[in-house]
Amino acid sequence: LPTATSSSTWRDIKVYQNYAFVVSEASSHGMQVF
């Protein structure tokens, strides 16, 4: 799953009800849901 905006050293992932939630310090990245 490519980053929502730009690349970043920092990315973090957790899971809830069969969905992954991904954040990053990349500018304006927000939270991806997969």
Full PDB file with SEQRES, HELIX, SHEET, SSBOND, CRYST1, ORIGX, SCALE, CONECT and MASTER records, all heavy atoms in Angstrom:
SEQRES   1 A   34  LEU PRO THR ALA THR SER SER SER THR TRP ARG ASP ILE          
SEQRES   2 A   34  LYS VAL TYR GLN ASN TYR ALA PHE VAL VAL SER GLU ALA          
SEQRES   3 A   34  SER SER HIS GLY MET GLN VAL PHE                              
SHEET    1 AA1 3 ARG A  11  TYR A  16  0                                        
SHEET    2 AA1 3 TYR A  19  SER A  24 -1                                        
SHEET    3 AA1 3 MET A  31  VAL A  33 -1                                        
CRYST1    1.000    1.000    1.000  90.00  90.00  90.00 P 1           1          
ORIGX1      1.000000  0.000000  0.000000        0.00000                         
ORIGX2      0.000000  1.000000  0.000000        0.00000                         
ORIGX3      0.000000  0.000000  1.000000        0.00000                         
SCALE1      1.000000  0.000000  0.000000        0.00000                         
SCALE2      0.000000  1.000000  0.000000        0.00000                         
SCALE3      0.000000  0.000000  1.000000        0.00000                         
ATOM      1  N   LEU A   1       0.873  -1.173   0.000  1.00  0.00           N  
ATOM      2  CA  LEU A   1       0.000   0.000   0.000  1.00  0.00           C  
ATOM      3  C   LEU A   1       0.913   1.226   0.000  1.00  0.00           C  
ATOM      4  O   LEU A   1       1.568   1.497   1.010  1.00  0.00           O  
ATOM      5  CB  LEU A   1      -0.905  -0.006   1.233  1.00  0.00           C  
ATOM      6  CG  LEU A   1      -1.758   1.249   1.454  1.00  0.00           C  
ATOM      7  CD1 LEU A   1      -2.803   1.398   0.351  1.00  0.00           C  
ATOM      8  CD2 LEU A   1      -2.427   1.210   2.834  1.00  0.00           C  
ATOM      9  N   PRO A   2       1.001   1.976  -1.096  1.00  0.00           N  
ATOM     10  CA  PRO A   2       1.915   3.124  -1.119  1.00  0.00           C  
ATOM     11  C   PRO A   2       1.495   4.192  -0.119  1.00  0.00           C  
ATOM     12  O   PRO A   2       0.331   4.293   0.278  1.00  0.00           O  
ATOM     13  CB  PRO A   2       1.794   3.641  -2.563  1.00  0.00           C  
ATOM     14  CG  PRO A   2       1.242   2.488  -3.342  1.00  0.00           C  
ATOM     15  CD  PRO A   2       0.347   1.758  -2.395  1.00  0.00           C  
ATOM     16  N   THR A   3       2.462   5.002   0.300  1.00  0.00           N  
ATOM     17  CA  THR A   3       2.194   6.105   1.200  1.00  0.00           C  
ATOM     18  C   THR A   3       1.124   7.017   0.620  1.00  0.00           C  
ATOM     19  O   THR A   3       0.996   7.155  -0.610  1.00  0.00           O  
ATOM     20  CB  THR A   3       3.486   6.899   1.475  1.00  0.00           C  
ATOM     21  OG1 THR A   3       3.206   7.962   2.378  1.00  0.00           O  
ATOM     22  CG2 THR A   3       4.089   7.444   0.197  1.00  0.00           C  
ATOM     23  N   ALA A   4       0.351   7.662   1.495  1.00  0.00           N  
ATOM     24  CA  ALA A   4      -0.740   8.527   1.035  1.00  0.00           C  
ATOM     25  C   ALA A   4      -0.219   9.794   0.381  1.00  0.00           C  
ATOM     26  O   ALA A   4      -0.900  10.372  -0.474  1.00  0.00           O  
ATOM     27  CB  ALA A   4      -1.647   8.887   2.201  1.00  0.00           C  
ATOM     28  N   THR A   5       0.981  10.230   0.778  1.00  0.00           N  
ATOM     29  CA  THR A   5       1.545  11.448   0.186  1.00  0.00           C  
ATOM     30  C   THR A   5       2.993  11.204  -0.196  1.00  0.00           C  
ATOM     31  O   THR A   5       3.266  10.654  -1.257  1.00  0.00           O  
ATOM     32  CB  THR A   5       1.408  12.649   1.158  1.00  0.00           C  
ATOM     33  OG1 THR A   5       1.978  12.303   2.439  1.00  0.00           O  
ATOM     34  CG2 THR A   5      -0.050  13.042   1.347  1.00  0.00           C  
ATOM     35  N   SER A   6       3.919  11.554   0.655  1.00  0.00           N  
ATOM     36  CA  SER A   6       5.339  11.407   0.345  1.00  0.00           C  
ATOM     37  C   SER A   6       5.975  10.346   1.230  1.00  0.00           C  
ATOM     38  O   SER A   6       5.363   9.843   2.176  1.00  0.00           O  
ATOM     39  CB  SER A   6       6.058  12.746   0.540  1.00  0.00           C  
ATOM     40  OG  SER A   6       5.884  13.201   1.877  1.00  0.00           O  
ATOM     41  N   SER A   7       7.218  10.010   0.941  1.00  0.00           N  
ATOM     42  CA  SER A   7       7.952   9.049   1.759  1.00  0.00           C  
ATOM     43  C   SER A   7       8.323   9.671   3.100  1.00  0.00           C  
ATOM     44  O   SER A   7       8.418  10.894   3.233  1.00  0.00           O  
ATOM     45  CB  SER A   7       9.210   8.594   1.032  1.00  0.00           C  
ATOM     46  OG  SER A   7       8.887   7.857  -0.129  1.00  0.00           O  
ATOM     47  N   SER A   8       8.538   8.805   4.097  1.00  0.00           N  
ATOM     48  CA  SER A   8       8.898   9.277   5.429  1.00  0.00           C  
ATOM     49  C   SER A   8       9.604   8.163   6.184  1.00  0.00           C  
ATOM     50  O   SER A   8       9.306   6.979   6.003  1.00  0.00           O  
ATOM     51  CB  SER A   8       7.654   9.710   6.205  1.00  0.00           C  
ATOM     52  OG  SER A   8       7.973   9.978   7.566  1.00  0.00           O  
ATOM     53  N   THR A   9      10.532   8.547   7.039  1.00  0.00           N  
ATOM     54  CA  THR A   9      11.190   7.579   7.916  1.00  0.00           C  
ATOM     55  C   THR A   9      10.194   6.935   8.861  1.00  0.00           C  
ATOM     56  O   THR A   9      10.357   5.777   9.254  1.00  0.00           O  
ATOM     57  CB  THR A   9      12.286   8.293   8.728  1.00  0.00           C  
ATOM     58  OG1 THR A   9      13.223   8.872   7.825  1.00  0.00           O  
ATOM     59  CG2 THR A   9      12.994   7.330   9.663  1.00  0.00           C  
ATOM     60  N   TRP A  10       9.145   7.667   9.251  1.00  0.00           N  
ATOM     61  CA  TRP A  10       8.226   7.209  10.281  1.00  0.00           C  
ATOM     62  C   TRP A  10       6.889   6.769   9.695  1.00  0.00           C  
ATOM     63  O   TRP A  10       6.221   7.523   8.990  1.00  0.00           O  
ATOM     64  CB  TRP A  10       8.005   8.323  11.307  1.00  0.00           C  
ATOM     65  CG  TRP A  10       9.248   8.649  12.062  1.00  0.00           C  
ATOM     66  CD1 TRP A  10       9.737   8.027  13.176  1.00  0.00           C  
ATOM     67  CD2 TRP A  10      10.188   9.670  11.740  1.00  0.00           C  
ATOM     68  NE1 TRP A  10      10.916   8.592  13.575  1.00  0.00           N  
ATOM     69  CE2 TRP A  10      11.225   9.616  12.716  1.00  0.00           C  
ATOM     70  CE3 TRP A  10      10.265  10.642  10.730  1.00  0.00           C  
ATOM     71  CZ2 TRP A  10      12.306  10.481  12.704  1.00  0.00           C  
ATOM     72  CZ3 TRP A  10      11.352  11.498  10.715  1.00  0.00           C  
ATOM     73  CH2 TRP A  10      12.350  11.414  11.700  1.00  0.00           C  
ATOM     74  N   ARG A  11       6.496   5.545  10.023  1.00  0.00           N  
ATOM     75  CA  ARG A  11       5.196   5.001   9.638  1.00  0.00           C  
ATOM     76  C   ARG A  11       4.767   4.067  10.767  1.00  0.00           C  
ATOM     77  O   ARG A  11       5.587   3.354  11.337  1.00  0.00           O  
ATOM     78  CB  ARG A  11       5.295   4.247   8.311  1.00  0.00           C  
ATOM     79  CG  ARG A  11       3.939   3.901   7.674  1.00  0.00           C  
ATOM     80  CD  ARG A  11       4.158   3.399   6.245  1.00  0.00           C  
ATOM     81  NE  ARG A  11       4.995   4.332   5.479  1.00  0.00           N  
ATOM     82  CZ  ARG A  11       4.535   5.427   4.895  1.00  0.00           C  
ATOM     83  NH1 ARG A  11       3.252   5.728   4.951  1.00  0.00           N  
ATOM     84  NH2 ARG A  11       5.371   6.220   4.237  1.00  0.00           N  
ATOM     85  N   ASP A  12       3.496   4.047  11.094  1.00  0.00           N  
ATOM     86  CA  ASP A  12       3.019   3.195  12.179  1.00  0.00           C  
ATOM     87  C   ASP A  12       1.693   2.568  11.784  1.00  0.00           C  
ATOM     88  O   ASP A  12       0.868   3.203  11.096  1.00  0.00           O  
ATOM     89  CB  ASP A  12       2.851   4.010  13.468  1.00  0.00           C  
ATOM     90  CG  ASP A  12       2.805   3.113  14.698  1.00  0.00           C  
ATOM     91  OD1 ASP A  12       3.803   2.445  14.977  1.00  0.00           O  
ATOM     92  OD2 ASP A  12       1.755   3.070  15.365  1.00  0.00           O  
ATOM     93  N   ILE A  13       1.473   1.332  12.230  1.00  0.00           N  
ATOM     94  CA  ILE A  13       0.334   0.529  11.787  1.00  0.00           C  
ATOM     95  C   ILE A  13      -0.294  -0.161  12.984  1.00  0.00           C  
ATOM     96  O   ILE A  13       0.416  -0.704  13.832  1.00  0.00           O  
ATOM     97  CB  ILE A  13       0.786  -0.558  10.779  1.00  0.00           C  
ATOM     98  CG1 ILE A  13       1.674   0.029   9.690  1.00  0.00           C  
ATOM     99  CG2 ILE A  13      -0.414  -1.289  10.196  1.00  0.00           C  
ATOM    100  CD1 ILE A  13       2.859  -0.830   9.355  1.00  0.00           C  
ATOM    101  N   LYS A  14      -1.611  -0.156  13.058  1.00  0.00           N  
ATOM    102  CA  LYS A  14      -2.348  -0.966  14.028  1.00  0.00           C  
ATOM    103  C   LYS A  14      -3.563  -1.571  13.325  1.00  0.00           C  
ATOM    104  O   LYS A  14      -3.922  -1.164  12.209  1.00  0.00           O  
ATOM    105  CB  LYS A  14      -2.782  -0.132  15.235  1.00  0.00           C  
ATOM    106  CG  LYS A  14      -1.637   0.421  16.067  1.00  0.00           C  
ATOM    107  CD  LYS A  14      -0.808  -0.645  16.728  1.00  0.00           C  
ATOM    108  CE  LYS A  14       0.251  -0.081  17.671  1.00  0.00           C  
ATOM    109  NZ  LYS A  14       1.264   0.734  16.976  1.00  0.00           N  
ATOM    110  N   VAL A  15      -4.242  -2.504  13.999  1.00  0.00           N  
ATOM    111  CA  VAL A  15      -5.336  -3.258  13.383  1.00  0.00           C  
ATOM    112  C   VAL A  15      -6.576  -3.208  14.257  1.00  0.00           C  
ATOM    113  O   VAL A  15      -6.481  -3.263  15.489  1.00  0.00           O  
ATOM    114  CB  VAL A  15      -4.913  -4.729  13.149  1.00  0.00           C  
ATOM    115  CG1 VAL A  15      -6.095  -5.600  12.758  1.00  0.00           C  
ATOM    116  CG2 VAL A  15      -3.831  -4.802  12.073  1.00  0.00           C  
ATOM    117  N   TYR A  16      -7.733  -3.102  13.598  1.00  0.00           N  
ATOM    118  CA  TYR A  16      -9.024  -3.208  14.274  1.00  0.00           C  
ATOM    119  C   TYR A  16     -10.020  -3.839  13.312  1.00  0.00           C  
ATOM    120  O   TYR A  16     -10.179  -3.381  12.174  1.00  0.00           O  
ATOM    121  CB  TYR A  16      -9.522  -1.828  14.711  1.00  0.00           C  
ATOM    122  CG  TYR A  16     -10.949  -1.821  15.249  1.00  0.00           C  
ATOM    123  CD1 TYR A  16     -11.242  -2.368  16.496  1.00  0.00           C  
ATOM    124  CD2 TYR A  16     -11.985  -1.275  14.505  1.00  0.00           C  
ATOM    125  CE1 TYR A  16     -12.536  -2.365  16.984  1.00  0.00           C  
ATOM    126  CE2 TYR A  16     -13.284  -1.263  14.989  1.00  0.00           C  
ATOM    127  CZ  TYR A  16     -13.558  -1.812  16.226  1.00  0.00           C  
ATOM    128  OH  TYR A  16     -14.847  -1.818  16.702  1.00  0.00           O  
ATOM    129  N   GLN A  17     -10.693  -4.911  13.775  1.00  0.00           N  
ATOM    130  CA  GLN A  17     -11.747  -5.577  13.002  1.00  0.00           C  
ATOM    131  C   GLN A  17     -11.353  -5.818  11.546  1.00  0.00           C  
ATOM    132  O   GLN A  17     -12.056  -5.419  10.612  1.00  0.00           O  
ATOM    133  CB  GLN A  17     -13.038  -4.773  13.078  1.00  0.00           C  
ATOM    134  CG  GLN A  17     -13.745  -4.897  14.406  1.00  0.00           C  
ATOM    135  CD  GLN A  17     -15.170  -4.371  14.390  1.00  0.00           C  
ATOM    136  OE1 GLN A  17     -15.623  -3.764  13.417  1.00  0.00           O  
ATOM    137  NE2 GLN A  17     -15.892  -4.586  15.466  1.00  0.00           N  
ATOM    138  N   ASN A  18     -10.225  -6.470  11.341  1.00  0.00           N  
ATOM    139  CA  ASN A  18      -9.779  -6.871  10.005  1.00  0.00           C  
ATOM    140  C   ASN A  18      -9.427  -5.697   9.104  1.00  0.00           C  
ATOM    141  O   ASN A  18      -9.405  -5.844   7.871  1.00  0.00           O  
ATOM    142  CB  ASN A  18     -10.821  -7.766   9.315  1.00  0.00           C  
ATOM    143  CG  ASN A  18     -11.123  -9.016  10.121  1.00  0.00           C  
ATOM    144  OD1 ASN A  18     -10.253  -9.538  10.819  1.00  0.00           O  
ATOM    145  ND2 ASN A  18     -12.353  -9.487  10.055  1.00  0.00           N  
ATOM    146  N   TYR A  19      -9.149  -4.546   9.691  1.00  0.00           N  
ATOM    147  CA  TYR A  19      -8.683  -3.393   8.929  1.00  0.00           C  
ATOM    148  C   TYR A  19      -7.354  -2.916   9.508  1.00  0.00           C  
ATOM    149  O   TYR A  19      -7.166  -2.903  10.729  1.00  0.00           O  
ATOM    150  CB  TYR A  19      -9.688  -2.245   8.980  1.00  0.00           C  
ATOM    151  CG  TYR A  19     -10.930  -2.480   8.150  1.00  0.00           C  
ATOM    152  CD1 TYR A  19     -12.001  -3.222   8.663  1.00  0.00           C  
ATOM    153  CD2 TYR A  19     -11.038  -1.973   6.850  1.00  0.00           C  
ATOM    154  CE1 TYR A  19     -13.142  -3.456   7.905  1.00  0.00           C  
ATOM    155  CE2 TYR A  19     -12.178  -2.190   6.092  1.00  0.00           C  
ATOM    156  CZ  TYR A  19     -13.220  -2.934   6.619  1.00  0.00           C  
ATOM    157  OH  TYR A  19     -14.348  -3.157   5.857  1.00  0.00           O  
ATOM    158  N   ALA A  20      -6.449  -2.519   8.626  1.00  0.00           N  
ATOM    159  CA  ALA A  20      -5.210  -1.889   9.045  1.00  0.00           C  
ATOM    160  C   ALA A  20      -5.371  -0.378   8.976  1.00  0.00           C  
ATOM    161  O   ALA A  20      -5.973   0.155   8.032  1.00  0.00           O  
ATOM    162  CB  ALA A  20      -4.060  -2.329   8.141  1.00  0.00           C  
ATOM    163  N   PHE A  21      -4.825   0.306   9.982  1.00  0.00           N  
ATOM    164  CA  PHE A  21      -4.864   1.763  10.050  1.00  0.00           C  
ATOM    165  C   PHE A  21      -3.419   2.248  10.069  1.00  0.00           C  
ATOM    166  O   PHE A  21      -2.643   1.865  10.953  1.00  0.00           O  
ATOM    167  CB  PHE A  21      -5.624   2.219  11.295  1.00  0.00           C  
ATOM    168  CG  PHE A  21      -7.078   1.810  11.285  1.00  0.00           C  
ATOM    169  CD1 PHE A  21      -7.450   0.518  11.644  1.00  0.00           C  
ATOM    170  CD2 PHE A  21      -8.058   2.704  10.894  1.00  0.00           C  
ATOM    171  CE1 PHE A  21      -8.780   0.122  11.619  1.00  0.00           C  
ATOM    172  CE2 PHE A  21      -9.392   2.329  10.867  1.00  0.00           C  
ATOM    173  CZ  PHE A  21      -9.759   1.037  11.233  1.00  0.00           C  
ATOM    174  N   VAL A  22      -3.065   3.085   9.111  1.00  0.00           N  
ATOM    175  CA  VAL A  22      -1.671   3.456   8.880  1.00  0.00           C  
ATOM    176  C   VAL A  22      -1.517   4.976   8.965  1.00  0.00           C  
ATOM    177  O   VAL A  22      -2.257   5.715   8.296  1.00  0.00           O  
ATOM    178  CB  VAL A  22      -1.183   2.973   7.499  1.00  0.00           C  
ATOM    179  CG1 VAL A  22       0.301   3.283   7.320  1.00  0.00           C  
ATOM    180  CG2 VAL A  22      -1.446   1.483   7.316  1.00  0.00           C  
ATOM    181  N   VAL A  23      -0.554   5.424   9.759  1.00  0.00           N  
ATOM    182  CA  VAL A  23      -0.221   6.849   9.832  1.00  0.00           C  
ATOM    183  C   VAL A  23       1.259   7.024   9.508  1.00  0.00           C  
ATOM    184  O   VAL A  23       2.046   6.073   9.542  1.00  0.00           O  
ATOM    185  CB  VAL A  23      -0.542   7.457  11.211  1.00  0.00           C  
ATOM    186  CG1 VAL A  23      -2.025   7.316  11.539  1.00  0.00           C  
ATOM    187  CG2 VAL A  23       0.315   6.821  12.310  1.00  0.00           C  
ATOM    188  N   SER A  24       1.624   8.261   9.218  1.00  0.00           N  
ATOM    189  CA  SER A  24       3.005   8.581   8.911  1.00  0.00           C  
ATOM    190  C   SER A  24       3.234  10.052   9.221  1.00  0.00           C  
ATOM    191  O   SER A  24       2.295  10.848   9.237  1.00  0.00           O  
ATOM    192  CB  SER A  24       3.308   8.310   7.434  1.00  0.00           C  
ATOM    193  OG  SER A  24       4.588   8.796   7.078  1.00  0.00           O  
ATOM    194  N   GLU A  25       4.512  10.396   9.456  1.00  0.00           N  
ATOM    195  CA  GLU A  25       4.845  11.798   9.628  1.00  0.00           C  
ATOM    196  C   GLU A  25       4.898  12.552   8.310  1.00  0.00           C  
ATOM    197  O   GLU A  25       5.104  13.770   8.301  1.00  0.00           O  
ATOM    198  CB  GLU A  25       6.166  11.946  10.379  1.00  0.00           C  
ATOM    199  CG  GLU A  25       6.053  11.689  11.863  1.00  0.00           C  
ATOM    200  CD  GLU A  25       7.220  12.259  12.651  1.00  0.00           C  
ATOM    201  OE1 GLU A  25       8.060  12.960  12.049  1.00  0.00           O  
ATOM    202  OE2 GLU A  25       7.297  12.017  13.868  1.00  0.00           O  
ATOM    203  N   ALA A  26       4.727  11.860   7.194  1.00  0.00           N  
ATOM    204  CA  ALA A  26       4.703  12.532   5.902  1.00  0.00           C  
ATOM    205  C   ALA A  26       3.635  13.625   5.906  1.00  0.00           C  
ATOM    206  O   ALA A  26       2.530  13.441   6.448  1.00  0.00           O  
ATOM    207  CB  ALA A  26       4.422  11.532   4.787  1.00  0.00           C  
ATOM    208  N   SER A  27       3.935  14.755   5.307  1.00  0.00           N  
ATOM    209  CA  SER A  27       3.027  15.903   5.325  1.00  0.00           C  
ATOM    210  C   SER A  27       1.659  15.549   4.757  1.00  0.00           C  
ATOM    211  O   SER A  27       1.556  14.923   3.686  1.00  0.00           O  
ATOM    212  CB  SER A  27       3.644  17.049   4.516  1.00  0.00           C  
ATOM    213  OG  SER A  27       2.782  18.151   4.458  1.00  0.00           O  
ATOM    214  N   SER A  28       0.595  15.914   5.505  1.00  0.00           N  
ATOM    215  CA  SER A  28      -0.805  15.736   5.076  1.00  0.00           C  
ATOM    216  C   SER A  28      -1.186  14.280   4.848  1.00  0.00           C  
ATOM    217  O   SER A  28      -2.149  13.994   4.139  1.00  0.00           O  
ATOM    218  CB  SER A  28      -1.089  16.555   3.797  1.00  0.00           C  
ATOM    219  OG  SER A  28      -0.778  17.916   3.984  1.00  0.00           O  
ATOM    220  N   HIS A  29      -0.448  13.358   5.458  1.00  0.00           N  
ATOM    221  CA  HIS A  29      -0.701  11.930   5.216  1.00  0.00           C  
ATOM    222  C   HIS A  29      -2.041  11.468   5.767  1.00  0.00           C  
ATOM    223  O   HIS A  29      -2.732  10.660   5.156  1.00  0.00           O  
ATOM    224  CB  HIS A  29       0.433  11.100   5.840  1.00  0.00           C  
ATOM    225  CG  HIS A  29       0.332   9.629   5.558  1.00  0.00           C  
ATOM    226  ND1 HIS A  29      -0.495   8.779   6.268  1.00  0.00           N  
ATOM    227  CD2 HIS A  29       0.958   8.862   4.631  1.00  0.00           C  
ATOM    228  CE1 HIS A  29      -0.369   7.550   5.811  1.00  0.00           C  
ATOM    229  NE2 HIS A  29       0.514   7.572   4.822  1.00  0.00           N  
ATOM    230  N   GLY A  30      -2.438  11.971   6.953  1.00  0.00           N  
ATOM    231  CA  GLY A  30      -3.662  11.487   7.575  1.00  0.00           C  
ATOM    232  C   GLY A  30      -3.553  10.023   7.956  1.00  0.00           C  
ATOM    233  O   GLY A  30      -2.466   9.503   8.253  1.00  0.00           O  
ATOM    234  N   MET A  31      -4.673   9.316   7.932  1.00  0.00           N  
ATOM    235  CA  MET A  31      -4.725   7.899   8.319  1.00  0.00           C  
ATOM    236  C   MET A  31      -5.333   7.088   7.180  1.00  0.00           C  
ATOM    237  O   MET A  31      -6.470   7.314   6.767  1.00  0.00           O  
ATOM    238  CB  MET A  31      -5.559   7.739   9.596  1.00  0.00           C  
ATOM    239  CG  MET A  31      -5.708   6.296  10.076  1.00  0.00           C  
ATOM    240  SD  MET A  31      -6.640   6.170  11.632  1.00  0.00           S  
ATOM    241  CE  MET A  31      -8.318   6.568  11.062  1.00  0.00           C  
ATOM    242  N   GLN A  32      -4.555   6.134   6.675  1.00  0.00           N  
ATOM    243  CA  GLN A  32      -5.053   5.219   5.655  1.00  0.00           C  
ATOM    244  C   GLN A  32      -5.780   4.052   6.319  1.00  0.00           C  
ATOM    245  O   GLN A  32      -5.375   3.577   7.386  1.00  0.00           O  
ATOM    246  CB  GLN A  32      -3.908   4.674   4.811  1.00  0.00           C  
ATOM    247  CG  GLN A  32      -3.174   5.716   3.988  1.00  0.00           C  
ATOM    248  CD  GLN A  32      -1.945   5.114   3.324  1.00  0.00           C  
ATOM    249  OE1 GLN A  32      -1.019   4.660   3.997  1.00  0.00           O  
ATOM    250  NE2 GLN A  32      -1.915   5.122   1.997  1.00  0.00           N  
ATOM    251  N   VAL A  33      -6.844   3.577   5.678  1.00  0.00           N  
ATOM    252  CA  VAL A  33      -7.594   2.415   6.147  1.00  0.00           C  
ATOM    253  C   VAL A  33      -7.574   1.372   5.039  1.00  0.00           C  
ATOM    254  O   VAL A  33      -7.901   1.677   3.880  1.00  0.00           O  
ATOM    255  CB  VAL A  33      -9.049   2.787   6.496  1.00  0.00           C  
ATOM    256  CG1 VAL A  33      -9.780   1.569   7.070  1.00  0.00           C  
ATOM    257  CG2 VAL A  33      -9.096   3.959   7.476  1.00  0.00           C  
ATOM    258  N   PHE A  34      -7.181   0.144   5.403  1.00  0.00           N  
ATOM    259  CA  PHE A  34      -7.048  -0.917   4.402  1.00  0.00           C  
ATOM    260  C   PHE A  34      -7.754  -2.178   4.890  1.00  0.00           C  
ATOM    261  O   PHE A  34      -7.507  -2.651   6.003  1.00  0.00           O  
ATOM    262  CB  PHE A  34      -5.569  -1.220   4.136  1.00  0.00           C  
ATOM    263  CG  PHE A  34      -5.339  -2.310   3.128  1.00  0.00           C  
ATOM    264  CD1 PHE A  34      -5.436  -2.052   1.772  1.00  0.00           C  
ATOM    265  CD2 PHE A  34      -5.055  -3.605   3.546  1.00  0.00           C  
ATOM    266  CE1 PHE A  34      -5.237  -3.064   0.843  1.00  0.00           C  
ATOM    267  CE2 PHE A  34      -4.853  -4.623   2.621  1.00  0.00           C  
ATOM    268  CZ  PHE A  34      -4.944  -4.348   1.262  1.00  0.00           C  
TER     269      PHE A  34                                                      
MASTER        0    0    0    0    3    0    0    6  268    1    0    3          
END                                                                             
